[in-house]
Amino acid sequence: MCGENDERSRSRMSVRPDSTLSGAFFQSGGNSSSPIRSLTADQEARLRMIRDFTFLHRNVKDLGFRCLSNVLAILPPDDSVDWIELIRQRLPEVEAAPFQDKQILLWKQGSRSDQVGNNNVSN
C-alpha cells in the first residue's frame, strides 16, 4: 500500500485559510526545541488533509497503514517544509512512525476526531 505513484498528475491550487485550525496548531505546542513558525494557508490545508486522511484510515487492522509519501503524492507539492516535523509539532493525534524505509501515518489511540481543527464542523 506504500508504493510510490510519481506519475500522478499534481495541480497547484490555493485554499482558503482556516483561522481556527492555525490557532489550534499554535496551542498544541510540541516537544521539539525548534520554534513554531507561521504556515501558509496551503501548508495548513495540507496538514488538515493529512490529519483527516489518517483519521479515516485509523483502523490499521482492517485497512492497513498508509505512508506519508502516498498522502503527500496526492496533494499539491511543497518541499519547503519538513512534513514529519510539522506533524510531530502540530498534529498531536497523528504519529509519523518509521517503517522499513518509509514513514507511516498512525492515529493515536484515544484521540478524538474533533480534537483539532474541526470546531466549525457541526454533527
PDB file of N, CA and C in Angstrom:
ATOM      1  N   MET A   1       0.810  -1.204   0.000  1.00  0.00           N
ATOM      2  CA  MET A   1       0.000   0.000   0.000  1.00  0.00           C
ATOM      3  C   MET A   1       0.848   1.261   0.000  1.00  0.00           C
ATOM      4  N   CYS A   2       2.163   1.081   0.100  1.00  0.00           N
ATOM      5  CA  CYS A   2       3.035   2.241   0.173  1.00  0.00           C
ATOM      6  C   CYS A   2       3.819   2.443  -1.110  1.00  0.00           C
ATOM      7  N   GLY A   3       3.364   1.919  -2.212  1.00  0.00           N
ATOM      8  CA  GLY A   3       4.073   2.110  -3.472  1.00  0.00           C
ATOM      9  C   GLY A   3       4.048   3.555  -3.901  1.00  0.00           C
ATOM     10  N   GLU A   4       5.102   3.989  -4.532  1.00  0.00           N
ATOM     11  CA  GLU A   4       5.171   5.370  -4.980  1.00  0.00           C
ATOM     12  C   GLU A   4       4.393   5.533  -6.274  1.00  0.00           C
ATOM     13  N   ASN A   5       3.739   6.652  -6.442  1.00  0.00           N
ATOM     14  CA  ASN A   5       2.985   6.927  -7.659  1.00  0.00           C
ATOM     15  C   ASN A   5       3.415   8.287  -8.164  1.00  0.00           C
ATOM     16  N   ASP A   6       4.624   8.331  -8.766  1.00  0.00           N
ATOM     17  CA  ASP A   6       5.180   9.597  -9.224  1.00  0.00           C
ATOM     18  C   ASP A   6       4.512  10.108 -10.485  1.00  0.00           C
ATOM     19  N   GLU A   7       3.765   9.242 -11.163  1.00  0.00           N
ATOM     20  CA  GLU A   7       3.150   9.643 -12.413  1.00  0.00           C
ATOM     21  C   GLU A   7       1.840  10.379 -12.207  1.00  0.00           C
ATOM     22  N   ARG A   8       1.381  10.422 -10.971  1.00  0.00           N
ATOM     23  CA  ARG A   8       0.105  11.087 -10.684  1.00  0.00           C
ATOM     24  C   ARG A   8       0.205  12.576 -11.007  1.00  0.00           C
ATOM     25  N   SER A   9      -0.792  13.055 -11.672  1.00  0.00           N
ATOM     26  CA  SER A   9      -0.825  14.467 -12.037  1.00  0.00           C
ATOM     27  C   SER A   9      -1.045  15.309 -10.788  1.00  0.00           C
ATOM     28  N   ARG A  10      -0.245  16.345 -10.638  1.00  0.00           N
ATOM     29  CA  ARG A  10      -0.381  17.235  -9.476  1.00  0.00           C
ATOM     30  C   ARG A  10      -0.782  18.609  -9.963  1.00  0.00           C
ATOM     31  N   SER A  11      -1.758  19.170  -9.327  1.00  0.00           N
ATOM     32  CA  SER A  11      -2.170  20.519  -9.685  1.00  0.00           C
ATOM     33  C   SER A  11      -1.964  21.426  -8.492  1.00  0.00           C
ATOM     34  N   ARG A  12      -1.613  22.632  -8.768  1.00  0.00           N
ATOM     35  CA  ARG A  12      -1.434  23.618  -7.706  1.00  0.00           C
ATOM     36  C   ARG A  12      -2.719  24.404  -7.576  1.00  0.00           C
ATOM     37  N   MET A  13      -3.185  24.514  -6.355  1.00  0.00           N
ATOM     38  CA  MET A  13      -4.391  25.284  -6.119  1.00  0.00           C
ATOM     39  C   MET A  13      -4.275  25.995  -4.790  1.00  0.00           C
ATOM     40  N   SER A  14      -4.918  27.094  -4.695  1.00  0.00           N
ATOM     41  CA  SER A  14      -4.899  27.858  -3.461  1.00  0.00           C
ATOM     42  C   SER A  14      -6.129  27.496  -2.652  1.00  0.00           C
ATOM     43  N   VAL A  15      -5.965  27.499  -1.345  1.00  0.00           N
ATOM     44  CA  VAL A  15      -7.094  27.190  -0.475  1.00  0.00           C
ATOM     45  C   VAL A  15      -7.304  28.321   0.507  1.00  0.00           C
ATOM     46  N   ARG A  16      -8.525  28.390   1.010  1.00  0.00           N
ATOM     47  CA  ARG A  16      -8.877  29.434   1.966  1.00  0.00           C
ATOM     48  C   ARG A  16      -8.269  29.100   3.320  1.00  0.00           C
ATOM     49  N   PRO A  17      -7.632  30.070   3.997  1.00  0.00           N
ATOM     50  CA  PRO A  17      -7.066  29.783   5.319  1.00  0.00           C
ATOM     51  C   PRO A  17      -8.158  29.479   6.327  1.00  0.00           C
ATOM     52  N   ASP A  18      -7.839  28.634   7.279  1.00  0.00           N
ATOM     53  CA  ASP A  18      -8.762  28.267   8.341  1.00  0.00           C
ATOM     54  C   ASP A  18      -8.183  28.776   9.653  1.00  0.00           C
ATOM     55  N   SER A  19      -8.712  29.891  10.148  1.00  0.00           N
ATOM     56  CA  SER A  19      -8.127  30.535  11.325  1.00  0.00           C
ATOM     57  C   SER A  19      -8.270  29.675  12.575  1.00  0.00           C
ATOM     58  N   THR A  20      -9.328  28.866  12.677  1.00  0.00           N
ATOM     59  CA  THR A  20      -9.462  28.015  13.862  1.00  0.00           C
ATOM     60  C   THR A  20      -8.407  26.932  13.868  1.00  0.00           C
ATOM     61  N   LEU A  21      -8.027  26.470  12.699  1.00  0.00           N
ATOM     62  CA  LEU A  21      -7.016  25.429  12.620  1.00  0.00           C
ATOM     63  C   LEU A  21      -5.656  25.972  13.022  1.00  0.00           C
ATOM     64  N   SER A  22      -5.278  27.124  12.502  1.00  0.00           N
ATOM     65  CA  SER A  22      -3.963  27.655  12.850  1.00  0.00           C
ATOM     66  C   SER A  22      -3.891  27.995  14.333  1.00  0.00           C
ATOM     67  N   GLY A  23      -4.986  28.451  14.908  1.00  0.00           N
ATOM     68  CA  GLY A  23      -4.999  28.706  16.341  1.00  0.00           C
ATOM     69  C   GLY A  23      -4.803  27.424  17.126  1.00  0.00           C
ATOM     70  N   ALA A  24      -5.428  26.361  16.678  1.00  0.00           N
ATOM     71  CA  ALA A  24      -5.278  25.069  17.357  1.00  0.00           C
ATOM     72  C   ALA A  24      -3.858  24.542  17.200  1.00  0.00           C
ATOM     73  N   PHE A  25      -3.246  24.757  16.042  1.00  0.00           N
ATOM     74  CA  PHE A  25      -1.882  24.306  15.830  1.00  0.00           C
ATOM     75  C   PHE A  25      -0.940  25.003  16.803  1.00  0.00           C
ATOM     76  N   PHE A  26      -1.101  26.298  16.972  1.00  0.00           N
ATOM     77  CA  PHE A  26      -0.195  27.025  17.840  1.00  0.00           C
ATOM     78  C   PHE A  26      -0.410  26.658  19.302  1.00  0.00           C
ATOM     79  N   GLN A  27      -1.638  26.280  19.679  1.00  0.00           N
ATOM     80  CA  GLN A  27      -1.902  25.895  21.058  1.00  0.00           C
ATOM     81  C   GLN A  27      -1.377  24.512  21.373  1.00  0.00           C
ATOM     82  N   SER A  28      -1.246  23.664  20.344  1.00  0.00           N
ATOM     83  CA  SER A  28      -0.868  22.276  20.607  1.00  0.00           C
ATOM     84  C   SER A  28       0.564  22.134  21.080  1.00  0.00           C
ATOM     85  N   GLY A  29       1.390  23.119  20.799  1.00  0.00           N
ATOM     86  CA  GLY A  29       2.779  23.063  21.250  1.00  0.00           C
ATOM     87  C   GLY A  29       3.542  21.969  20.568  1.00  0.00           C
ATOM     88  N   GLY A  30       4.462  21.380  21.283  1.00  0.00           N
ATOM     89  CA  GLY A  30       5.256  20.305  20.717  1.00  0.00           C
ATOM     90  C   GLY A  30       6.465  20.072  21.578  1.00  0.00           C
ATOM     91  N   ASN A  31       7.100  18.957  21.393  1.00  0.00           N
ATOM     92  CA  ASN A  31       8.273  18.627  22.188  1.00  0.00           C
ATOM     93  C   ASN A  31       9.552  19.096  21.535  1.00  0.00           C
ATOM     94  N   SER A  32       9.475  19.577  20.328  1.00  0.00           N
ATOM     95  CA  SER A  32      10.666  19.995  19.613  1.00  0.00           C
ATOM     96  C   SER A  32      11.163  21.331  20.153  1.00  0.00           C
ATOM     97  N   SER A  33      12.461  21.510  20.134  1.00  0.00           N
ATOM     98  CA  SER A  33      13.025  22.770  20.612  1.00  0.00           C
ATOM     99  C   SER A  33      12.976  23.843  19.533  1.00  0.00           C
ATOM    100  N   SER A  34      12.645  23.471  18.298  1.00  0.00           N
ATOM    101  CA  SER A  34      12.579  24.455  17.231  1.00  0.00           C
ATOM    102  C   SER A  34      11.313  25.296  17.387  1.00  0.00           C
ATOM    103  N   PRO A  35      11.415  26.601  17.115  1.00  0.00           N
ATOM    104  CA  PRO A  35      10.255  27.464  17.271  1.00  0.00           C
ATOM    105  C   PRO A  35       9.199  27.147  16.206  1.00  0.00           C
ATOM    106  N   ILE A  36       7.942  27.301  16.583  1.00  0.00           N
ATOM    107  CA  ILE A  36       6.848  27.078  15.644  1.00  0.00           C
ATOM    108  C   ILE A  36       6.691  28.340  14.818  1.00  0.00           C
ATOM    109  N   ARG A  37       6.810  28.175  13.511  1.00  0.00           N
ATOM    110  CA  ARG A  37       6.700  29.326  12.629  1.00  0.00           C
ATOM    111  C   ARG A  37       5.336  29.318  11.951  1.00  0.00           C
ATOM    112  N   SER A  38       4.970  30.441  11.406  1.00  0.00           N
ATOM    113  CA  SER A  38       3.693  30.547  10.711  1.00  0.00           C
ATOM    114  C   SER A  38       3.724  29.702   9.454  1.00  0.00           C
ATOM    115  N   LEU A  39       2.577  29.147   9.132  1.00  0.00           N
ATOM    116  CA  LEU A  39       2.440  28.354   7.920  1.00  0.00           C
ATOM    117  C   LEU A  39       1.591  29.112   6.914  1.00  0.00           C
ATOM    118  N   THR A  40       1.775  28.783   5.662  1.00  0.00           N
ATOM    119  CA  THR A  40       0.914  29.356   4.634  1.00  0.00           C
ATOM    120  C   THR A  40      -0.441  28.665   4.705  1.00  0.00           C
ATOM    121  N   ALA A  41      -1.426  29.246   4.070  1.00  0.00           N
ATOM    122  CA  ALA A  41      -2.759  28.638   4.031  1.00  0.00           C
ATOM    123  C   ALA A  41      -2.702  27.264   3.368  1.00  0.00           C
ATOM    124  N   ASP A  42      -1.889  27.124   2.335  1.00  0.00           N
ATOM    125  CA  ASP A  42      -1.752  25.837   1.654  1.00  0.00           C
ATOM    126  C   ASP A  42      -1.125  24.789   2.571  1.00  0.00           C
ATOM    127  N   GLN A  43      -0.125  25.177   3.346  1.00  0.00           N
ATOM    128  CA  GLN A  43       0.505  24.229   4.268  1.00  0.00           C
ATOM    129  C   GLN A  43      -0.462  23.809   5.367  1.00  0.00           C
ATOM    130  N   GLU A  44      -1.250  24.751   5.877  1.00  0.00           N
ATOM    131  CA  GLU A  44      -2.261  24.412   6.874  1.00  0.00           C
ATOM    132  C   GLU A  44      -3.282  23.447   6.292  1.00  0.00           C
ATOM    133  N   ALA A  45      -3.681  23.687   5.045  1.00  0.00           N
ATOM    134  CA  ALA A  45      -4.649  22.800   4.393  1.00  0.00           C
ATOM    135  C   ALA A  45      -4.064  21.406   4.208  1.00  0.00           C
ATOM    136  N   ARG A  46      -2.789  21.313   3.849  1.00  0.00           N
ATOM    137  CA  ARG A  46      -2.145  20.001   3.704  1.00  0.00           C
ATOM    138  C   ARG A  46      -2.124  19.253   5.035  1.00  0.00           C
ATOM    139  N   LEU A  47      -1.776  19.945   6.110  1.00  0.00           N
ATOM    140  CA  LEU A  47      -1.777  19.306   7.429  1.00  0.00           C
ATOM    141  C   LEU A  47      -3.179  18.836   7.808  1.00  0.00           C
ATOM    142  N   ARG A  48      -4.172  19.648   7.509  1.00  0.00           N
ATOM    143  CA  ARG A  48      -5.556  19.278   7.799  1.00  0.00           C
ATOM    144  C   ARG A  48      -5.932  18.012   7.009  1.00  0.00           C
ATOM    145  N   MET A  49      -5.514  17.937   5.748  1.00  0.00           N
ATOM    146  CA  MET A  49      -5.815  16.759   4.927  1.00  0.00           C
ATOM    147  C   MET A  49      -5.063  15.521   5.421  1.00  0.00           C
ATOM    148  N   ILE A  50      -3.817  15.707   5.847  1.00  0.00           N
ATOM    149  CA  ILE A  50      -3.054  14.589   6.418  1.00  0.00           C
ATOM    150  C   ILE A  50      -3.757  14.074   7.659  1.00  0.00           C
ATOM    151  N   ARG A  51      -4.192  14.981   8.507  1.00  0.00           N
ATOM    152  CA  ARG A  51      -4.895  14.602   9.730  1.00  0.00           C
ATOM    153  C   ARG A  51      -6.198  13.877   9.412  1.00  0.00           C
ATOM    154  N   ASP A  52      -6.986  14.425   8.507  1.00  0.00           N
ATOM    155  CA  ASP A  52      -8.266  13.808   8.158  1.00  0.00           C
ATOM    156  C   ASP A  52      -8.070  12.443   7.498  1.00  0.00           C
ATOM    157  N   PHE A  53      -7.095  12.337   6.613  1.00  0.00           N
ATOM    158  CA  PHE A  53      -6.804  11.073   5.952  1.00  0.00           C
ATOM    159  C   PHE A  53      -6.390  10.014   6.976  1.00  0.00           C
ATOM    160  N   THR A  54      -5.558  10.407   7.917  1.00  0.00           N
ATOM    161  CA  THR A  54      -5.110   9.475   8.956  1.00  0.00           C
ATOM    162  C   THR A  54      -6.285   9.028   9.814  1.00  0.00           C
ATOM    163  N   PHE A  55      -7.183   9.951  10.136  1.00  0.00           N
ATOM    164  CA  PHE A  55      -8.364   9.582  10.917  1.00  0.00           C
ATOM    165  C   PHE A  55      -9.229   8.582  10.149  1.00  0.00           C
ATOM    166  N   LEU A  56      -9.457   8.840   8.874  1.00  0.00           N
ATOM    167  CA  LEU A  56     -10.298   7.945   8.076  1.00  0.00           C
ATOM    168  C   LEU A  56      -9.702   6.543   7.960  1.00  0.00           C
ATOM    169  N   HIS A  57      -8.384   6.445   7.975  1.00  0.00           N
ATOM    170  CA  HIS A  57      -7.690   5.159   7.851  1.00  0.00           C
ATOM    171  C   HIS A  57      -7.092   4.726   9.190  1.00  0.00           C
ATOM    172  N   ARG A  58      -7.771   5.052  10.287  1.00  0.00           N
ATOM    173  CA  ARG A  58      -7.226   4.794  11.616  1.00  0.00           C
ATOM    174  C   ARG A  58      -7.272   3.322  12.017  1.00  0.00           C
ATOM    175  N   ASN A  59      -8.128   2.536  11.408  1.00  0.00           N
ATOM    176  CA  ASN A  59      -8.249   1.127  11.767  1.00  0.00           C
ATOM    177  C   ASN A  59      -7.230   0.316  10.964  1.00  0.00           C
ATOM    178  N   VAL A  60      -6.016   0.236  11.465  1.00  0.00           N
ATOM    179  CA  VAL A  60      -4.907  -0.410  10.756  1.00  0.00           C
ATOM    180  C   VAL A  60      -5.187  -1.890  10.532  1.00  0.00           C
ATOM    181  N   LYS A  61      -5.857  -2.520  11.470  1.00  0.00           N
ATOM    182  CA  LYS A  61      -6.124  -3.952  11.348  1.00  0.00           C
ATOM    183  C   LYS A  61      -6.977  -4.252  10.110  1.00  0.00           C
ATOM    184  N   ASP A  62      -7.967  -3.426   9.831  1.00  0.00           N
ATOM    185  CA  ASP A  62      -8.851  -3.647   8.685  1.00  0.00           C
ATOM    186  C   ASP A  62      -8.368  -2.984   7.407  1.00  0.00           C
ATOM    187  N   LEU A  63      -7.777  -1.802   7.519  1.00  0.00           N
ATOM    188  CA  LEU A  63      -7.439  -1.014   6.336  1.00  0.00           C
ATOM    189  C   LEU A  63      -5.959  -1.006   5.998  1.00  0.00           C
ATOM    190  N   GLY A  64      -5.112  -1.488   6.889  1.00  0.00           N
ATOM    191  CA  GLY A  64      -3.670  -1.396   6.662  1.00  0.00           C
ATOM    192  C   GLY A  64      -3.194   0.007   6.963  1.00  0.00           C
ATOM    193  N   PHE A  65      -1.904   0.199   6.917  1.00  0.00           N
ATOM    194  CA  PHE A  65      -1.368   1.524   7.195  1.00  0.00           C
ATOM    195  C   PHE A  65      -1.143   2.280   5.895  1.00  0.00           C
ATOM    196  N   ARG A  66      -0.982   3.575   6.016  1.00  0.00           N
ATOM    197  CA  ARG A  66      -0.734   4.439   4.864  1.00  0.00           C
ATOM    198  C   ARG A  66       0.586   5.167   5.068  1.00  0.00           C
ATOM    199  N   CYS A  67       1.325   5.297   3.998  1.00  0.00           N
ATOM    200  CA  CYS A  67       2.610   6.000   4.045  1.00  0.00           C
ATOM    201  C   CYS A  67       2.407   7.492   3.826  1.00  0.00           C
ATOM    202  N   LEU A  68       3.183   8.270   4.540  1.00  0.00           N
ATOM    203  CA  LEU A  68       3.147   9.716   4.375  1.00  0.00           C
ATOM    204  C   LEU A  68       3.427  10.094   2.930  1.00  0.00           C
ATOM    205  N   SER A  69       4.370   9.415   2.284  1.00  0.00           N
ATOM    206  CA  SER A  69       4.713   9.745   0.898  1.00  0.00           C
ATOM    207  C   SER A  69       3.521   9.574  -0.036  1.00  0.00           C
ATOM    208  N   ASN A  70       2.664   8.582   0.229  1.00  0.00           N
ATOM    209  CA  ASN A  70       1.476   8.381  -0.608  1.00  0.00           C
ATOM    210  C   ASN A  70       0.467   9.507  -0.427  1.00  0.00           C
ATOM    211  N   VAL A  71       0.307   9.963   0.807  1.00  0.00           N
ATOM    212  CA  VAL A  71      -0.627  11.057   1.061  1.00  0.00           C
ATOM    213  C   VAL A  71      -0.097  12.340   0.422  1.00  0.00           C
ATOM    214  N   LEU A  72       1.188  12.613   0.598  1.00  0.00           N
ATOM    215  CA  LEU A  72       1.764  13.828   0.014  1.00  0.00           C
ATOM    216  C   LEU A  72       1.728  13.786  -1.513  1.00  0.00           C
ATOM    217  N   ALA A  73       1.776  12.596  -2.097  1.00  0.00           N
ATOM    218  CA  ALA A  73       1.774  12.467  -3.554  1.00  0.00           C
ATOM    219  C   ALA A  73       0.457  12.926  -4.174  1.00  0.00           C
ATOM    220  N   ILE A  74      -0.637  12.866  -3.429  1.00  0.00           N
ATOM    221  CA  ILE A  74      -1.924  13.286  -3.984  1.00  0.00           C
ATOM    222  C   ILE A  74      -2.229  14.755  -3.712  1.00  0.00           C
ATOM    223  N   LEU A  75      -1.348  15.415  -2.951  1.00  0.00           N
ATOM    224  CA  LEU A  75      -1.524  16.832  -2.631  1.00  0.00           C
ATOM    225  C   LEU A  75      -0.608  17.680  -3.509  1.00  0.00           C
ATOM    226  N   PRO A  76      -0.948  18.954  -3.675  1.00  0.00           N
ATOM    227  CA  PRO A  76      -0.028  19.829  -4.398  1.00  0.00           C
ATOM    228  C   PRO A  76       1.350  19.815  -3.731  1.00  0.00           C
ATOM    229  N   PRO A  77       2.418  19.757  -4.504  1.00  0.00           N
ATOM    230  CA  PRO A  77       3.757  19.613  -3.915  1.00  0.00           C
ATOM    231  C   PRO A  77       4.201  20.839  -3.115  1.00  0.00           C
ATOM    232  N   ASP A  78       4.925  20.568  -2.041  1.00  0.00           N
ATOM    233  CA  ASP A  78       5.533  21.613  -1.221  1.00  0.00           C
ATOM    234  C   ASP A  78       6.702  20.987  -0.470  1.00  0.00           C
ATOM    235  N   ASP A  79       7.901  21.207  -0.968  1.00  0.00           N
ATOM    236  CA  ASP A  79       9.094  20.656  -0.344  1.00  0.00           C
ATOM    237  C   ASP A  79       9.801  21.669   0.549  1.00  0.00           C
ATOM    238  N   SER A  80       9.134  22.776   0.859  1.00  0.00           N
ATOM    239  CA  SER A  80       9.785  23.836   1.621  1.00  0.00           C
ATOM    240  C   SER A  80       9.779  23.574   3.130  1.00  0.00           C
ATOM    241  N   VAL A  81       9.075  22.547   3.568  1.00  0.00           N
ATOM    242  CA  VAL A  81       8.999  22.248   4.998  1.00  0.00           C
ATOM    243  C   VAL A  81       9.269  20.771   5.240  1.00  0.00           C
ATOM    244  N   ASP A  82       9.613  20.438   6.473  1.00  0.00           N
ATOM    245  CA  ASP A  82       9.801  19.059   6.896  1.00  0.00           C
ATOM    246  C   ASP A  82       8.449  18.567   7.422  1.00  0.00           C
ATOM    247  N   TRP A  83       7.746  17.780   6.607  1.00  0.00           N
ATOM    248  CA  TRP A  83       6.391  17.360   6.957  1.00  0.00           C
ATOM    249  C   TRP A  83       6.359  16.485   8.197  1.00  0.00           C
ATOM    250  N   ILE A  84       7.355  15.650   8.375  1.00  0.00           N
ATOM    251  CA  ILE A  84       7.388  14.780   9.555  1.00  0.00           C
ATOM    252  C   ILE A  84       7.477  15.624  10.820  1.00  0.00           C
ATOM    253  N   GLU A  85       8.339  16.622  10.800  1.00  0.00           N
ATOM    254  CA  GLU A  85       8.485  17.503  11.963  1.00  0.00           C
ATOM    255  C   GLU A  85       7.205  18.316  12.202  1.00  0.00           C
ATOM    256  N   LEU A  86       6.577  18.798  11.127  1.00  0.00           N
ATOM    257  CA  LEU A  86       5.325  19.540  11.288  1.00  0.00           C
ATOM    258  C   LEU A  86       4.227  18.663  11.890  1.00  0.00           C
ATOM    259  N   ILE A  87       4.155  17.423  11.454  1.00  0.00           N
ATOM    260  CA  ILE A  87       3.163  16.508  12.017  1.00  0.00           C
ATOM    261  C   ILE A  87       3.424  16.313  13.504  1.00  0.00           C
ATOM    262  N   ARG A  88       4.665  16.129  13.864  1.00  0.00           N
ATOM    263  CA  ARG A  88       5.010  15.935  15.290  1.00  0.00           C
ATOM    264  C   ARG A  88       4.691  17.171  16.122  1.00  0.00           C
ATOM    265  N   GLN A  89       4.935  18.354  15.558  1.00  0.00           N
ATOM    266  CA  GLN A  89       4.707  19.590  16.302  1.00  0.00           C
ATOM    267  C   GLN A  89       3.238  19.971  16.394  1.00  0.00           C
ATOM    268  N   ARG A  90       2.486  19.740  15.332  1.00  0.00           N
ATOM    269  CA  ARG A  90       1.170  20.360  15.222  1.00  0.00           C
ATOM    270  C   ARG A  90      -0.017  19.408  15.159  1.00  0.00           C
ATOM    271  N   LEU A  91       0.246  18.130  15.033  1.00  0.00           N
ATOM    272  CA  LEU A  91      -0.853  17.164  14.999  1.00  0.00           C
ATOM    273  C   LEU A  91      -0.646  16.128  16.109  1.00  0.00           C
ATOM    274  N   PRO A  92      -1.031  16.457  17.331  1.00  0.00           N
ATOM    275  CA  PRO A  92      -0.763  15.558  18.459  1.00  0.00           C
ATOM    276  C   PRO A  92      -1.465  14.202  18.351  1.00  0.00           C
ATOM    277  N   GLU A  93      -2.537  14.114  17.561  1.00  0.00           N
ATOM    278  CA  GLU A  93      -3.263  12.853  17.454  1.00  0.00           C
ATOM    279  C   GLU A  93      -2.748  11.957  16.323  1.00  0.00           C
ATOM    280  N   VAL A  94      -1.790  12.447  15.552  1.00  0.00           N
ATOM    281  CA  VAL A  94      -1.223  11.682  14.437  1.00  0.00           C
ATOM    282  C   VAL A  94       0.228  11.363  14.752  1.00  0.00           C
ATOM    283  N   GLU A  95       0.610  10.133  14.459  1.00  0.00           N
ATOM    284  CA  GLU A  95       2.003   9.727  14.639  1.00  0.00           C
ATOM    285  C   GLU A  95       2.587   9.351  13.288  1.00  0.00           C
ATOM    286  N   ALA A  96       3.738   9.917  12.975  1.00  0.00           N
ATOM    287  CA  ALA A  96       4.504   9.516  11.793  1.00  0.00           C
ATOM    288  C   ALA A  96       5.591   8.580  12.298  1.00  0.00           C
ATOM    289  N   ALA A  97       5.395   7.288  12.049  1.00  0.00           N
ATOM    290  CA  ALA A  97       6.297   6.272  12.596  1.00  0.00           C
ATOM    291  C   ALA A  97       7.158   5.677  11.481  1.00  0.00           C
ATOM    292  N   PRO A  98       8.436   5.454  11.767  1.00  0.00           N
ATOM    293  CA  PRO A  98       9.293   4.826  10.758  1.00  0.00           C
ATOM    294  C   PRO A  98       8.923   3.351  10.579  1.00  0.00           C
ATOM    295  N   PHE A  99       8.875   2.925   9.325  1.00  0.00           N
ATOM    296  CA  PHE A  99       8.618   1.525   9.000  1.00  0.00           C
ATOM    297  C   PHE A  99       9.406   1.201   7.740  1.00  0.00           C
ATOM    298  N   GLN A 100      10.354   0.300   7.876  1.00  0.00           N
ATOM    299  CA  GLN A 100      11.293  -0.019   6.809  1.00  0.00           C
ATOM    300  C   GLN A 100      11.958   1.275   6.371  1.00  0.00           C
ATOM    301  N   ASP A 101      11.810   1.686   5.125  1.00  0.00           N
ATOM    302  CA  ASP A 101      12.469   2.919   4.681  1.00  0.00           C
ATOM    303  C   ASP A 101      11.473   4.061   4.473  1.00  0.00           C
ATOM    304  N   LYS A 102      10.288   3.976   5.087  1.00  0.00           N
ATOM    305  CA  LYS A 102       9.233   4.975   4.900  1.00  0.00           C
ATOM    306  C   LYS A 102       8.707   5.458   6.252  1.00  0.00           C
ATOM    307  N   GLN A 103       7.849   6.450   6.200  1.00  0.00           N
ATOM    308  CA  GLN A 103       7.131   6.937   7.377  1.00  0.00           C
ATOM    309  C   GLN A 103       5.668   6.581   7.187  1.00  0.00           C
ATOM    310  N   ILE A 104       5.095   5.870   8.149  1.00  0.00           N
ATOM    311  CA  ILE A 104       3.675   5.550   8.062  1.00  0.00           C
ATOM    312  C   ILE A 104       2.898   6.457   9.004  1.00  0.00           C
ATOM    313  N   LEU A 105       1.641   6.686   8.675  1.00  0.00           N
ATOM    314  CA  LEU A 105       0.773   7.539   9.472  1.00  0.00           C
ATOM    315  C   LEU A 105      -0.134   6.679  10.334  1.00  0.00           C
ATOM    316  N   LEU A 106      -0.164   6.967  11.623  1.00  0.00           N
ATOM    317  CA  LEU A 106      -0.987   6.228  12.561  1.00  0.00           C
ATOM    318  C   LEU A 106      -1.810   7.197  13.397  1.00  0.00           C
ATOM    319  N   TRP A 107      -3.061   6.859  13.625  1.00  0.00           N
ATOM    320  CA  TRP A 107      -3.923   7.637  14.510  1.00  0.00           C
ATOM    321  C   TRP A 107      -3.679   7.155  15.927  1.00  0.00           C
ATOM    322  N   LYS A 108      -3.360   8.057  16.831  1.00  0.00           N
ATOM    323  CA  LYS A 108      -3.071   7.665  18.210  1.00  0.00           C
ATOM    324  C   LYS A 108      -4.347   7.230  18.919  1.00  0.00           C
ATOM    325  N   GLN A 109      -4.272   6.105  19.601  1.00  0.00           N
ATOM    326  CA  GLN A 109      -5.411   5.557  20.342  1.00  0.00           C
ATOM    327  C   GLN A 109      -5.941   6.593  21.321  1.00  0.00           C
ATOM    328  N   GLY A 110      -7.250   6.695  21.400  1.00  0.00           N
ATOM    329  CA  GLY A 110      -7.875   7.604  22.346  1.00  0.00           C
ATOM    330  C   GLY A 110      -8.065   9.014  21.826  1.00  0.00           C
ATOM    331  N   SER A 111      -7.490   9.347  20.671  1.00  0.00           N
ATOM    332  CA  SER A 111      -7.672  10.685  20.107  1.00  0.00           C
ATOM    333  C   SER A 111      -9.058  10.786  19.500  1.00  0.00           C
ATOM    334  N   ARG A 112      -9.668  11.935  19.678  1.00  0.00           N
ATOM    335  CA  ARG A 112     -10.994  12.176  19.100  1.00  0.00           C
ATOM    336  C   ARG A 112     -10.840  12.859  17.762  1.00  0.00           C
ATOM    337  N   SER A 113     -11.802  12.627  16.884  1.00  0.00           N
ATOM    338  CA  SER A 113     -11.737  13.211  15.546  1.00  0.00           C
ATOM    339  C   SER A 113     -11.934  14.715  15.563  1.00  0.00           C
ATOM    340  N   ASP A 114     -12.584  15.252  16.593  1.00  0.00           N
ATOM    341  CA  ASP A 114     -12.864  16.689  16.633  1.00  0.00           C
ATOM    342  C   ASP A 114     -11.901  17.448  17.528  1.00  0.00           C
ATOM    343  N   GLN A 115     -10.768  16.832  17.903  1.00  0.00           N
ATOM    344  CA  GLN A 115      -9.844  17.482  18.832  1.00  0.00           C
ATOM    345  C   GLN A 115      -9.196  18.738  18.271  1.00  0.00           C
ATOM    346  N   VAL A 116      -8.749  18.687  17.037  1.00  0.00           N
ATOM    347  CA  VAL A 116      -8.011  19.803  16.454  1.00  0.00           C
ATOM    348  C   VAL A 116      -8.630  20.176  15.123  1.00  0.00           C
ATOM    349  N   GLY A 117      -8.911  21.465  14.953  1.00  0.00           N
ATOM    350  CA  GLY A 117      -9.256  21.974  13.639  1.00  0.00           C
ATOM    351  C   GLY A 117     -10.664  21.706  13.158  1.00  0.00           C
ATOM    352  N   ASN A 118     -11.489  21.034  13.909  1.00  0.00           N
ATOM    353  CA  ASN A 118     -12.830  20.741  13.444  1.00  0.00           C
ATOM    354  C   ASN A 118     -13.890  21.413  14.310  1.00  0.00           C
ATOM    355  N   ASN A 119     -13.556  22.508  14.932  1.00  0.00           N
ATOM    356  CA  ASN A 119     -14.502  23.209  15.798  1.00  0.00           C
ATOM    357  C   ASN A 119     -15.691  23.756  15.028  1.00  0.00           C
ATOM    358  N   ASN A 120     -15.522  24.006  13.732  1.00  0.00           N
ATOM    359  CA  ASN A 120     -16.594  24.595  12.949  1.00  0.00           C
ATOM    360  C   ASN A 120     -17.424  23.540  12.224  1.00  0.00           C
ATOM    361  N   VAL A 121     -17.182  22.261  12.484  1.00  0.00           N
ATOM    362  CA  VAL A 121     -17.946  21.197  11.852  1.00  0.00           C
ATOM    363  C   VAL A 121     -19.101  20.838  12.763  1.00  0.00           C
ATOM    364  N   SER A 122     -20.305  20.870  12.226  1.00  0.00           N
ATOM    365  CA  SER A 122     -21.469  20.505  13.039  1.00  0.00           C
ATOM    366  C   SER A 122     -21.868  19.076  12.730  1.00  0.00           C
ATOM    367  N   ASN A 123     -22.179  18.331  13.784  1.00  0.00           N
ATOM    368  CA  ASN A 123     -22.570  16.918  13.613  1.00  0.00           C
ATOM    369  C   ASN A 123     -24.059  16.760  13.704  1.00  0.00           C
TER     370      ASN A 123
END
